[in-house]
């Protein structure tokens, strides 16, 4: 009888052990980078210049690490195909095929459009330790990244809508995006945008 109880107990517990191990293995392959922000950016402006070109809400978020309230941002429920660009510089950040509904109330993505689009900093504000994400072109604050996302990366890039500009597949990009893509974008960024638009 005791042997039967042990067998039953192992059958109940085993799936949970395997599931937990799978999650651990998956996350170990996609560890979040931290502290790779060197402070050197392609686009540098004074705080006064940023204040003049950004709307007040954008300025608070992008340049001072502000945060939108959950479920209030323009893009948290946006399901259209397209690309999300930095509202500070026009740099491509995320493609819509990496967006998913995390239920957290902010636009969420499982990976950036290119590996170099995002830089990482440790954020110790608000009594927490989190990983802040910034655009690599100007060091502007975008949101935070967490390790509770879906496969294949296991990451959740939790973004502020006001930190981004969304351009749908059939839409004409604004001047900020056109200027970045023409004069500043790397070949990798250009190829990633071309590939996504071509696949749509």
C-alpha atoms as a PDB file:
ATOM      1  CA  UNK A   1       0.000   0.000   0.000  1.00  0.00           C
ATOM      2  CA  UNK A   2       2.827   2.405   0.869  1.00  0.00           C
ATOM      3  CA  UNK A   3       4.464   1.671  -2.490  1.00  0.00           C
ATOM      4  CA  UNK A   4       1.238   2.599  -4.274  1.00  0.00           C
ATOM      5  CA  UNK A   5       1.008   5.884  -2.337  1.00  0.00           C
ATOM      6  CA  UNK A   6       4.588   6.772  -3.261  1.00  0.00           C
ATOM      7  CA  UNK A   7       3.862   6.053  -6.928  1.00  0.00           C
ATOM      8  CA  UNK A   8       0.727   8.206  -6.885  1.00  0.00           C
ATOM      9  CA  UNK A   9       2.542  11.049  -5.135  1.00  0.00           C
ATOM     10  CA  UNK A  10       5.361  10.985  -7.702  1.00  0.00           C
ATOM     11  CA  UNK A  11       2.852  11.068 -10.573  1.00  0.00           C
ATOM     12  CA  UNK A  12       1.225  14.157  -9.066  1.00  0.00           C
ATOM     13  CA  UNK A  13       4.452  16.034  -8.272  1.00  0.00           C
ATOM     14  CA  UNK A  14       6.520  15.142 -11.365  1.00  0.00           C
ATOM     15  CA  UNK A  15       4.752  17.411 -13.901  1.00  0.00           C
ATOM     16  CA  UNK A  16       5.307  20.430 -11.642  1.00  0.00           C
ATOM     17  CA  UNK A  17       9.006  19.648 -11.251  1.00  0.00           C
ATOM     18  CA  UNK A  18       9.378  19.237 -15.024  1.00  0.00           C
ATOM     19  CA  UNK A  19       7.422  22.453 -15.717  1.00  0.00           C
ATOM     20  CA  UNK A  20       9.504  24.425 -13.260  1.00  0.00           C
ATOM     21  CA  UNK A  21      12.718  22.990 -14.724  1.00  0.00           C
ATOM     22  CA  UNK A  22      11.601  23.898 -18.249  1.00  0.00           C
ATOM     23  CA  UNK A  23      10.948  27.491 -17.144  1.00  0.00           C
ATOM     24  CA  UNK A  24      14.354  27.662 -15.436  1.00  0.00           C
ATOM     25  CA  UNK A  25      16.135  26.267 -18.497  1.00  0.00           C
ATOM     26  CA  UNK A  26      14.296  28.632 -20.830  1.00  0.00           C
ATOM     27  CA  UNK A  27      15.045  31.693 -18.736  1.00  0.00           C
ATOM     28  CA  UNK A  28      18.706  30.805 -18.288  1.00  0.00           C
ATOM     29  CA  UNK A  29      19.088  30.906 -22.071  1.00  0.00           C
ATOM     30  CA  UNK A  30      17.570  34.377 -22.269  1.00  0.00           C
ATOM     31  CA  UNK A  31      18.992  36.232 -19.307  1.00  0.00           C
ATOM     32  CA  UNK A  32      18.343  39.951 -19.233  1.00  0.00           C
ATOM     33  CA  UNK A  33      21.364  42.093 -19.933  1.00  0.00           C
ATOM     34  CA  UNK A  34      22.086  44.591 -17.181  1.00  0.00           C
ATOM     35  CA  UNK A  35      24.182  47.713 -16.920  1.00  0.00           C
ATOM     36  CA  UNK A  36      25.258  47.808 -20.571  1.00  0.00           C
ATOM     37  CA  UNK A  37      24.469  51.524 -20.855  1.00  0.00           C
ATOM     38  CA  UNK A  38      27.725  53.381 -21.506  1.00  0.00           C
ATOM     39  CA  UNK A  39      26.109  56.834 -21.629  1.00  0.00           C
ATOM     40  CA  UNK A  40      27.311  57.320 -25.211  1.00  0.00           C
ATOM     41  CA  UNK A  41      24.469  57.870 -27.670  1.00  0.00           C
ATOM     42  CA  UNK A  42      24.203  58.783 -31.347  1.00  0.00           C
ATOM     43  CA  UNK A  43      21.680  61.505 -30.503  1.00  0.00           C
ATOM     44  CA  UNK A  44      22.463  63.875 -27.645  1.00  0.00           C
ATOM     45  CA  UNK A  45      20.499  66.971 -26.700  1.00  0.00           C
ATOM     46  CA  UNK A  46      20.308  69.271 -23.709  1.00  0.00           C
ATOM     47  CA  UNK A  47      17.352  68.921 -21.357  1.00  0.00           C
ATOM     48  CA  UNK A  48      16.028  72.226 -22.706  1.00  0.00           C
ATOM     49  CA  UNK A  49      16.202  70.919 -26.283  1.00  0.00           C
ATOM     50  CA  UNK A  50      14.335  67.743 -25.278  1.00  0.00           C
ATOM     51  CA  UNK A  51      11.722  69.848 -23.518  1.00  0.00           C
ATOM     52  CA  UNK A  52      11.163  71.897 -26.664  1.00  0.00           C
ATOM     53  CA  UNK A  53      10.660  68.929 -29.002  1.00  0.00           C
ATOM     54  CA  UNK A  54       8.723  66.537 -26.746  1.00  0.00           C
ATOM     55  CA  UNK A  55       5.193  66.865 -25.431  1.00  0.00           C
ATOM     56  CA  UNK A  56       5.062  67.285 -21.613  1.00  0.00           C
ATOM     57  CA  UNK A  57       3.991  63.654 -20.976  1.00  0.00           C
ATOM     58  CA  UNK A  58       6.670  62.343 -23.334  1.00  0.00           C
ATOM     59  CA  UNK A  59       9.296  64.518 -21.689  1.00  0.00           C
ATOM     60  CA  UNK A  60       8.374  63.241 -18.213  1.00  0.00           C
ATOM     61  CA  UNK A  61       8.570  59.593 -19.303  1.00  0.00           C
ATOM     62  CA  UNK A  62      11.424  59.632 -21.798  1.00  0.00           C
ATOM     63  CA  UNK A  63      13.749  62.013 -19.987  1.00  0.00           C
ATOM     64  CA  UNK A  64      12.733  61.617 -16.322  1.00  0.00           C
ATOM     65  CA  UNK A  65      11.603  57.996 -16.069  1.00  0.00           C
ATOM     66  CA  UNK A  66       7.915  58.723 -15.560  1.00  0.00           C
ATOM     67  CA  UNK A  67       5.264  56.012 -15.907  1.00  0.00           C
ATOM     68  CA  UNK A  68       1.754  55.949 -17.336  1.00  0.00           C
ATOM     69  CA  UNK A  69      -1.060  54.503 -15.268  1.00  0.00           C
ATOM     70  CA  UNK A  70      -1.996  50.957 -16.286  1.00  0.00           C
ATOM     71  CA  UNK A  71      -4.612  50.600 -19.040  1.00  0.00           C
ATOM     72  CA  UNK A  72      -4.412  54.295 -19.977  1.00  0.00           C
ATOM     73  CA  UNK A  73      -1.743  54.298 -22.696  1.00  0.00           C
ATOM     74  CA  UNK A  74      -2.565  54.713 -26.373  1.00  0.00           C
ATOM     75  CA  UNK A  75      -1.025  51.399 -27.446  1.00  0.00           C
ATOM     76  CA  UNK A  76      -1.668  48.923 -24.635  1.00  0.00           C
ATOM     77  CA  UNK A  77      -4.609  47.452 -26.568  1.00  0.00           C
ATOM     78  CA  UNK A  78      -3.330  48.142 -30.095  1.00  0.00           C
ATOM     79  CA  UNK A  79      -3.401  45.001 -32.251  1.00  0.00           C
ATOM     80  CA  UNK A  80      -2.641  46.502 -35.654  1.00  0.00           C
ATOM     81  CA  UNK A  81       0.406  45.280 -37.608  1.00  0.00           C
ATOM     82  CA  UNK A  82       3.251  47.766 -37.718  1.00  0.00           C
ATOM     83  CA  UNK A  83       6.401  48.978 -36.008  1.00  0.00           C
ATOM     84  CA  UNK A  84       6.883  50.880 -32.752  1.00  0.00           C
ATOM     85  CA  UNK A  85       9.562  53.588 -32.849  1.00  0.00           C
ATOM     86  CA  UNK A  86      11.133  55.707 -30.112  1.00  0.00           C
ATOM     87  CA  UNK A  87       9.150  58.920 -29.633  1.00  0.00           C
ATOM     88  CA  UNK A  88      12.427  60.646 -28.758  1.00  0.00           C
ATOM     89  CA  UNK A  89      14.409  59.770 -31.866  1.00  0.00           C
ATOM     90  CA  UNK A  90      12.403  57.709 -34.380  1.00  0.00           C
ATOM     91  CA  UNK A  91      14.561  54.630 -33.759  1.00  0.00           C
ATOM     92  CA  UNK A  92      12.769  51.307 -34.471  1.00  0.00           C
ATOM     93  CA  UNK A  93      12.167  49.426 -31.208  1.00  0.00           C
ATOM     94  CA  UNK A  94       9.587  46.659 -31.621  1.00  0.00           C
ATOM     95  CA  UNK A  95       7.614  44.959 -34.376  1.00  0.00           C
ATOM     96  CA  UNK A  96       3.972  44.179 -33.728  1.00  0.00           C
ATOM     97  CA  UNK A  97       4.540  40.439 -34.140  1.00  0.00           C
ATOM     98  CA  UNK A  98       6.485  40.528 -30.847  1.00  0.00           C
ATOM     99  CA  UNK A  99       3.603  42.228 -29.006  1.00  0.00           C
ATOM    100  CA  UNK A 100       1.308  40.221 -26.767  1.00  0.00           C
ATOM    101  CA  UNK A 101      -1.361  40.776 -24.124  1.00  0.00           C
ATOM    102  CA  UNK A 102       0.385  40.326 -20.787  1.00  0.00           C
ATOM    103  CA  UNK A 103      -2.615  41.578 -18.828  1.00  0.00           C
ATOM    104  CA  UNK A 104      -0.457  44.160 -17.029  1.00  0.00           C
ATOM    105  CA  UNK A 105      -2.061  47.209 -18.677  1.00  0.00           C
ATOM    106  CA  UNK A 106       1.011  48.394 -20.576  1.00  0.00           C
ATOM    107  CA  UNK A 107       2.126  47.495 -24.115  1.00  0.00           C
ATOM    108  CA  UNK A 108       4.201  44.329 -23.763  1.00  0.00           C
ATOM    109  CA  UNK A 109       6.679  42.715 -26.144  1.00  0.00           C
ATOM    110  CA  UNK A 110       8.823  39.586 -25.870  1.00  0.00           C
ATOM    111  CA  UNK A 111      11.783  40.910 -27.901  1.00  0.00           C
ATOM    112  CA  UNK A 112      13.035  44.108 -29.582  1.00  0.00           C
ATOM    113  CA  UNK A 113      13.204  44.433 -33.363  1.00  0.00           C
ATOM    114  CA  UNK A 114      17.024  44.325 -33.194  1.00  0.00           C
ATOM    115  CA  UNK A 115      19.251  43.258 -30.326  1.00  0.00           C
ATOM    116  CA  UNK A 116      20.964  46.643 -30.166  1.00  0.00           C
ATOM    117  CA  UNK A 117      17.762  48.713 -30.034  1.00  0.00           C
ATOM    118  CA  UNK A 118      17.518  48.483 -26.248  1.00  0.00           C
ATOM    119  CA  UNK A 119      20.039  49.171 -23.490  1.00  0.00           C
ATOM    120  CA  UNK A 120      19.648  48.073 -19.868  1.00  0.00           C
ATOM    121  CA  UNK A 121      20.194  49.754 -16.514  1.00  0.00           C
ATOM    122  CA  UNK A 122      19.519  48.626 -12.956  1.00  0.00           C
ATOM    123  CA  UNK A 123      16.747  50.745 -11.462  1.00  0.00           C
ATOM    124  CA  UNK A 124      16.620  50.942  -7.662  1.00  0.00           C
ATOM    125  CA  UNK A 125      13.852  53.540  -7.443  1.00  0.00           C
ATOM    126  CA  UNK A 126      10.496  53.149  -5.657  1.00  0.00           C
ATOM    127  CA  UNK A 127      11.960  50.670  -3.167  1.00  0.00           C
ATOM    128  CA  UNK A 128      12.438  47.986  -5.842  1.00  0.00           C
ATOM    129  CA  UNK A 129      15.242  46.583  -7.957  1.00  0.00           C
ATOM    130  CA  UNK A 130      14.179  46.409 -11.592  1.00  0.00           C
ATOM    131  CA  UNK A 131      15.816  46.417 -15.010  1.00  0.00           C
ATOM    132  CA  UNK A 132      15.151  49.687 -16.796  1.00  0.00           C
ATOM    133  CA  UNK A 133      15.140  49.757 -20.587  1.00  0.00           C
ATOM    134  CA  UNK A 134      16.217  52.753 -22.659  1.00  0.00           C
ATOM    135  CA  UNK A 135      16.553  53.362 -26.371  1.00  0.00           C
ATOM    136  CA  UNK A 136      20.142  52.939 -27.513  1.00  0.00           C
ATOM    137  CA  UNK A 137      20.049  56.025 -29.735  1.00  0.00           C
ATOM    138  CA  UNK A 138      19.471  58.621 -27.002  1.00  0.00           C
ATOM    139  CA  UNK A 139      19.283  56.892 -23.607  1.00  0.00           C
ATOM    140  CA  UNK A 140      15.616  57.811 -23.276  1.00  0.00           C
ATOM    141  CA  UNK A 141      13.549  55.839 -20.743  1.00  0.00           C
ATOM    142  CA  UNK A 142      11.048  53.395 -22.267  1.00  0.00           C
ATOM    143  CA  UNK A 143       9.922  51.166 -19.395  1.00  0.00           C
ATOM    144  CA  UNK A 144      11.215  47.996 -17.705  1.00  0.00           C
ATOM    145  CA  UNK A 145      11.865  44.387 -18.650  1.00  0.00           C
ATOM    146  CA  UNK A 146      10.818  41.374 -16.571  1.00  0.00           C
ATOM    147  CA  UNK A 147      11.519  37.648 -16.813  1.00  0.00           C
ATOM    148  CA  UNK A 148       7.884  36.526 -16.795  1.00  0.00           C
ATOM    149  CA  UNK A 149       7.222  36.713 -20.527  1.00  0.00           C
ATOM    150  CA  UNK A 150       6.268  34.042 -23.058  1.00  0.00           C
ATOM    151  CA  UNK A 151       8.525  31.855 -25.229  1.00  0.00           C
ATOM    152  CA  UNK A 152      10.780  32.088 -27.070  1.00  0.00           C
ATOM    153  CA  UNK A 153      12.558  34.663 -24.865  1.00  0.00           C
ATOM    154  CA  UNK A 154      10.712  34.425 -21.551  1.00  0.00           C
ATOM    155  CA  UNK A 155      10.933  38.225 -21.301  1.00  0.00           C
ATOM    156  CA  UNK A 156       8.305  40.950 -20.970  1.00  0.00           C
ATOM    157  CA  UNK A 157       9.354  44.374 -22.214  1.00  0.00           C
ATOM    158  CA  UNK A 158       6.814  46.551 -20.405  1.00  0.00           C
ATOM    159  CA  UNK A 159       6.572  49.842 -22.288  1.00  0.00           C
ATOM    160  CA  UNK A 160       5.027  53.275 -21.889  1.00  0.00           C
ATOM    161  CA  UNK A 161       2.861  54.168 -24.887  1.00  0.00           C
ATOM    162  CA  UNK A 162       3.993  57.803 -24.746  1.00  0.00           C
ATOM    163  CA  UNK A 163       7.594  56.670 -25.220  1.00  0.00           C
ATOM    164  CA  UNK A 164       6.731  55.247 -28.643  1.00  0.00           C
ATOM    165  CA  UNK A 165       5.339  56.141 -32.053  1.00  0.00           C
ATOM    166  CA  UNK A 166       3.379  53.410 -33.803  1.00  0.00           C
ATOM    167  CA  UNK A 167       3.422  53.300 -37.602  1.00  0.00           C
ATOM    168  CA  UNK A 168       1.042  50.830 -39.229  1.00  0.00           C
ATOM    169  CA  UNK A 169       2.040  48.876 -42.324  1.00  0.00           C
ATOM    170  CA  UNK A 170      -0.001  51.088 -44.628  1.00  0.00           C
ATOM    171  CA  UNK A 171       0.856  54.372 -42.897  1.00  0.00           C
ATOM    172  CA  UNK A 172       3.366  57.014 -43.904  1.00  0.00           C
ATOM    173  CA  UNK A 173       5.984  57.424 -41.145  1.00  0.00           C
ATOM    174  CA  UNK A 174       6.281  60.861 -39.495  1.00  0.00           C
ATOM    175  CA  UNK A 175       9.277  63.086 -40.203  1.00  0.00           C
ATOM    176  CA  UNK A 176      11.097  61.978 -37.022  1.00  0.00           C
ATOM    177  CA  UNK A 177      11.063  58.334 -38.141  1.00  0.00           C
ATOM    178  CA  UNK A 178      11.969  59.160 -41.739  1.00  0.00           C
ATOM    179  CA  UNK A 179      14.926  61.263 -40.603  1.00  0.00           C
ATOM    180  CA  UNK A 180      16.236  58.533 -38.300  1.00  0.00           C
ATOM    181  CA  UNK A 181      15.867  55.796 -40.900  1.00  0.00           C
ATOM    182  CA  UNK A 182      17.522  57.908 -43.623  1.00  0.00           C
ATOM    183  CA  UNK A 183      20.375  59.462 -41.671  1.00  0.00           C
ATOM    184  CA  UNK A 184      21.067  57.513 -38.473  1.00  0.00           C
ATOM    185  CA  UNK A 185      19.770  53.933 -38.686  1.00  0.00           C
ATOM    186  CA  UNK A 186      22.267  51.092 -38.876  1.00  0.00           C
ATOM    187  CA  UNK A 187      22.097  48.576 -41.705  1.00  0.00           C
ATOM    188  CA  UNK A 188      20.754  46.053 -39.214  1.00  0.00           C
ATOM    189  CA  UNK A 189      17.894  48.391 -38.288  1.00  0.00           C
ATOM    190  CA  UNK A 190      17.098  49.162 -41.917  1.00  0.00           C
ATOM    191  CA  UNK A 191      17.071  45.475 -42.807  1.00  0.00           C
ATOM    192  CA  UNK A 192      14.850  44.588 -39.839  1.00  0.00           C
ATOM    193  CA  UNK A 193      12.291  47.235 -40.855  1.00  0.00           C
ATOM    194  CA  UNK A 194      12.412  46.228 -44.530  1.00  0.00           C
ATOM    195  CA  UNK A 195      12.002  42.574 -43.634  1.00  0.00           C
ATOM    196  CA  UNK A 196       9.025  43.198 -41.373  1.00  0.00           C
ATOM    197  CA  UNK A 197       7.267  45.504 -43.836  1.00  0.00           C
ATOM    198  CA  UNK A 198       7.967  43.084 -46.677  1.00  0.00           C
ATOM    199  CA  UNK A 199       6.494  40.186 -44.736  1.00  0.00           C
ATOM    200  CA  UNK A 200       3.301  42.133 -44.089  1.00  0.00           C
END
